[in-house]
Protein backbone atom coordinates (compact mmCIF):
# COMPACT_ATOMS: atom_id res chain seq x y z
CA MET A 1 31.05 10.42 2.02
CA ILE A 2 27.52 11.94 2.97
CA TYR A 3 25.69 10.42 5.55
CA VAL A 4 22.18 11.59 6.57
CA VAL A 5 19.62 10.85 9.51
CA ALA A 6 16.96 12.36 9.21
CA THR A 7 13.84 11.90 11.79
CA ILE A 8 10.27 12.31 10.34
CA GLU A 9 7.64 12.73 12.72
CA VAL A 10 4.43 12.93 10.74
CA GLN A 11 0.68 13.04 12.30
CA PRO A 12 -0.72 10.68 14.63
CA GLY A 13 -1.78 7.70 12.62
CA LYS A 14 -0.38 8.76 9.38
CA ARG A 15 2.89 6.91 8.94
CA GLU A 16 0.99 4.84 5.95
CA GLU A 17 -0.01 7.77 3.96
CA PHE A 18 3.15 9.60 4.45
CA LEU A 19 5.19 6.44 3.62
CA ALA A 20 3.03 5.76 0.62
CA VAL A 21 3.77 9.88 -0.81
CA GLN A 22 7.61 8.96 0.28
CA ARG A 23 7.30 5.40 -2.53
CA ASP A 24 6.77 7.99 -4.91
CA LEU A 25 9.44 9.90 -4.29
CA LEU A 26 12.15 7.32 -4.02
CA PRO A 27 13.12 6.47 -7.97
CA LEU A 28 13.31 10.41 -8.50
CA VAL A 29 15.73 10.76 -5.62
CA LEU A 30 17.94 7.52 -6.37
CA ALA A 31 18.20 8.77 -10.01
CA GLU A 32 19.87 11.81 -8.24
CA GLU A 33 23.45 12.56 -9.49
CA GLY A 34 25.51 11.59 -5.83
CA CYS A 35 22.93 9.53 -4.40
CA ILE A 36 24.89 6.63 -3.13
CA GLU A 37 21.51 5.08 -0.45
CA TYR A 38 17.69 6.98 -0.19
CA THR A 39 16.02 4.41 2.86
CA PRO A 40 12.97 5.06 4.60
CA THR A 41 13.37 3.31 7.89
CA ILE A 42 11.26 1.71 10.62
CA ASP A 43 11.73 1.07 14.77
CA VAL A 44 11.52 -2.84 14.97
CA ALA A 45 10.82 -3.87 18.85
CA MET A 46 14.38 -6.12 20.22
CA GLY A 47 12.91 -7.07 22.90
CA ASN A 48 15.39 -5.14 24.52
CA PRO A 49 14.39 -3.33 27.91
CA ALA A 50 17.44 -0.45 27.00
CA LYS A 51 15.56 0.06 23.48
CA ALA A 52 13.35 2.96 23.42
CA SER A 53 9.64 2.10 23.19
CA LEU A 54 8.56 1.93 19.46
CA ARG A 55 7.64 5.24 18.00
CA GLU A 56 4.99 4.64 15.87
CA ASN A 57 4.37 8.14 13.92
CA VAL A 58 8.24 8.72 13.04
CA VAL A 59 10.02 7.48 10.00
CA VAL A 60 13.84 8.18 9.66
CA MET A 61 15.77 8.02 6.52
CA GLN A 62 19.12 7.22 5.93
CA GLU A 63 20.76 8.37 2.88
CA LYS A 64 24.06 8.45 1.55
CA TRP A 65 25.59 10.46 -1.53
CA GLU A 66 28.52 10.90 -2.73
CA THR A 67 29.13 14.58 -1.64
CA ILE A 68 27.80 17.79 0.00
CA GLU A 69 27.38 19.39 -2.81
CA SER A 70 24.83 16.26 -4.14
CA LEU A 71 23.31 16.92 -0.89
CA ARG A 72 22.35 20.07 -1.35
CA ALA A 73 21.17 19.37 -5.13
CA HIS A 74 19.15 17.50 -3.63
CA SER A 75 17.37 20.09 -1.58
CA VAL A 76 16.66 22.14 -3.69
CA ALA A 77 14.88 19.57 -6.57
CA PRO A 78 11.94 19.59 -7.82
CA HIS A 79 10.54 16.64 -6.88
CA MET A 80 11.71 17.56 -3.51
CA ASN A 81 9.74 20.71 -3.38
CA ALA A 82 6.63 18.39 -5.19
CA PHE A 83 7.17 16.26 -2.55
CA ARG A 84 6.91 18.66 0.46
CA ALA A 85 3.94 20.78 -0.77
CA GLN A 86 2.11 17.31 -0.57
CA ALA A 87 3.29 15.74 2.65
CA LYS A 88 3.77 19.38 4.33
CA ASP A 89 -0.31 18.67 6.04
CA LEU A 90 1.22 15.03 6.71
CA ILE A 91 4.30 15.76 9.26
CA VAL A 92 4.58 17.53 12.80
CA SER A 93 8.43 18.02 12.27
CA ILE A 94 11.31 17.05 11.05
CA LYS A 95 14.65 16.77 12.52
CA VAL A 96 17.97 16.29 9.66
CA GLU A 97 21.64 15.76 10.27
CA VAL A 98 24.35 15.51 8.37
CA PHE A 99 27.62 13.55 8.61
CA GLU A 100 30.92 13.15 6.90
CA THR A 101 33.43 9.90 6.57
CA LEU A 102 36.47 11.09 9.07
CA LYS A 103 39.60 10.95 6.47
């Protein structure tokens, strides 16, 4: 199984606008072959001083894919290209980390 953690920093004050654009994308990605999970997440306060402060302009995508091939197909899907074009002015930076399950 392939796991993806994509940390997306959005323009200050634009997180809700970004999430609205992303909500339209979710059913299209979830319908892709090999997609197991595609979930936007945001920081939550734990009341723990060891936890860093909340990042109000960050969305972290939690993804699971059956294979690396399905993830590669996802990255070039037409709806992903459309999403990138629609969201580009909202995004400051993206950090994508990809992992696989140990066998």
